[in-house]
Protein backbone atom coordinates (compact mmCIF):
# COMPACT_ATOMS: atom_id res chain seq x y z
CA MET A 1 -28.53 12.09 -11.44
CA ALA A 2 -27.45 8.44 -11.61
CA GLY A 3 -24.99 9.30 -14.39
CA LYS A 4 -23.39 11.96 -12.19
CA ALA A 5 -22.98 9.53 -9.27
CA ALA A 6 -21.48 6.88 -11.56
CA LYS A 7 -19.05 9.44 -13.00
CA ALA A 8 -17.99 10.55 -9.50
CA ALA A 9 -17.49 6.95 -8.37
CA ALA A 10 -15.42 6.20 -11.49
CA GLY A 11 -12.98 8.93 -10.42
CA GLU A 12 -12.37 7.33 -7.05
CA PRO A 13 -9.49 4.87 -6.63
CA LEU A 14 -10.44 1.34 -7.67
CA GLY A 15 -14.00 2.49 -8.29
CA ARG A 16 -14.47 2.96 -4.53
CA THR A 17 -17.03 5.33 -3.06
CA ALA A 18 -16.19 8.85 -2.03
CA GLU A 19 -16.63 7.73 1.61
CA GLU A 20 -14.03 4.96 1.19
CA ALA A 21 -11.60 7.29 -0.60
CA ALA A 22 -12.03 9.89 2.17
CA TRP A 23 -11.44 7.19 4.80
CA ALA A 24 -8.20 6.20 3.08
CA GLU A 25 -7.04 9.83 2.98
CA THR A 26 -7.21 9.96 6.79
CA LEU A 27 -4.49 7.26 6.86
CA ARG A 28 -1.94 9.19 4.81
CA GLY A 29 1.28 10.08 6.60
CA ALA A 30 1.96 13.81 6.98
CA CYS A 31 5.25 13.60 5.05
CA GLU A 32 4.34 10.73 2.71
CA PRO A 33 5.24 11.56 -0.89
CA GLU A 34 2.38 11.46 -3.42
CA HIS A 35 4.05 8.67 -5.40
CA HIS A 36 4.29 6.42 -2.32
CA TRP A 37 0.82 7.33 -1.09
CA ARG A 38 -0.87 6.51 -4.40
CA TYR A 39 0.29 2.89 -4.16
CA ARG A 40 -0.18 2.51 -0.40
CA ARG A 41 -3.74 3.87 -0.78
CA GLU A 42 -4.34 1.23 -3.46
CA PHE A 43 -3.02 -1.44 -1.05
CA LEU A 44 -5.37 -0.22 1.69
CA LEU A 45 -8.44 -0.04 -0.53
CA ARG A 46 -7.79 -3.45 -2.08
CA ASN A 47 -7.59 -5.09 1.35
CA VAL A 48 -10.04 -3.20 3.53
CA GLY A 49 -13.37 -4.92 2.85
CA GLU A 50 -15.74 -3.25 5.31
CA LEU A 51 -14.29 -0.06 6.82
CA PRO A 52 -12.81 -0.95 10.24
CA ALA A 53 -13.49 1.10 13.34
CA ALA A 54 -10.96 3.80 14.18
CA GLY A 55 -8.27 2.44 16.48
CA SER A 56 -9.36 -1.18 16.01
CA ALA A 57 -6.82 -4.00 15.85
CA GLN A 58 -8.03 -4.76 12.31
CA LEU A 59 -7.25 -1.18 11.20
CA GLN A 60 -3.86 -1.17 12.93
CA ARG A 61 -2.91 -4.44 11.25
CA LEU A 62 -3.99 -3.23 7.79
CA VAL A 63 -2.14 0.08 8.14
CA SER A 64 0.96 -1.69 9.47
CA LEU A 65 1.03 -4.16 6.59
CA SER A 66 0.52 -1.34 4.08
CA MET A 67 3.53 0.45 5.57
CA VAL A 68 5.61 -2.73 5.58
CA TRP A 69 4.86 -3.18 1.89
CA ALA A 70 5.49 0.47 0.98
CA ASN A 71 8.73 0.57 3.00
CA HIS A 72 9.89 -2.60 1.26
CA VAL A 73 9.06 -1.34 -2.23
CA PHE A 74 10.21 2.26 -1.92
CA LEU A 75 12.89 2.16 0.78
CA GLY A 76 14.26 -1.37 0.51
CA CYS A 77 13.36 -2.32 4.09
CA ARG A 78 13.21 -5.98 5.06
CA TYR A 79 11.02 -7.63 7.66
CA PRO A 80 10.60 -11.13 9.11
CA PRO A 81 9.68 -13.68 6.40
CA GLN A 82 6.10 -14.25 7.65
CA VAL A 83 5.39 -10.52 7.64
CA MET A 84 6.89 -10.07 4.17
CA GLU A 85 4.90 -13.02 2.83
CA LYS A 86 1.63 -11.59 4.10
CA ALA A 87 2.32 -8.05 2.84
CA LEU A 88 3.42 -9.26 -0.61
CA GLU A 89 0.39 -11.55 -0.84
CA MET A 90 -1.92 -8.64 -0.04
CA ALA A 91 -0.17 -6.44 -2.64
CA GLU A 92 -0.54 -8.95 -5.47
CA GLY A 93 -1.64 -7.19 -8.65
CA ILE A 94 -0.49 -3.70 -7.66
CA GLN A 95 1.70 -2.45 -10.51
CA VAL A 96 4.27 0.00 -9.14
CA THR A 97 6.07 2.21 -11.64
CA ASN A 98 9.34 4.00 -10.95
CA ALA A 99 10.15 2.01 -7.82
CA PRO A 100 13.86 2.21 -6.96
CA VAL A 101 16.02 -0.80 -7.71
CA ARG A 102 18.26 -1.78 -4.83
CA THR A 103 21.11 -4.18 -4.37
CA THR A 104 20.66 -6.38 -1.33
CA ARG A 105 23.43 -7.23 1.11
CA ASP A 106 23.33 -10.84 -0.10
CA GLU A 107 23.85 -9.70 -3.70
CA LEU A 108 26.81 -7.53 -2.66
CA VAL A 109 28.43 -10.40 -0.72
CA ALA A 110 27.92 -12.75 -3.68
CA LYS A 111 29.75 -10.28 -5.98
CA VAL A 112 32.70 -10.04 -3.58
CA LYS A 113 32.99 -13.83 -3.34
CA LYS A 114 33.30 -14.21 -7.14
């Protein structure tokens, strides 16, 4: 029986329990692509610690920062420096594959000035 439980836990993201993985699934956006969700779920599970109460400020902050990070990585969105710093710090170690490469406005202006 213990072998079966260990095998099930090994299949969960980051070795998390089925309860934690199910909790994370409740936070997925209805139209969120699988590729984006996989990495945002990793962000959430890496930073959650103890599962926060539904609707709590702690949960809202974690979900917001996960969306900031995902929007930055996948959509090229930018946020105030303090927010970006925090989100990037929390995402340290997450290896994203196939993320789009974007040219920033500053890079475009620099090319024109040359």
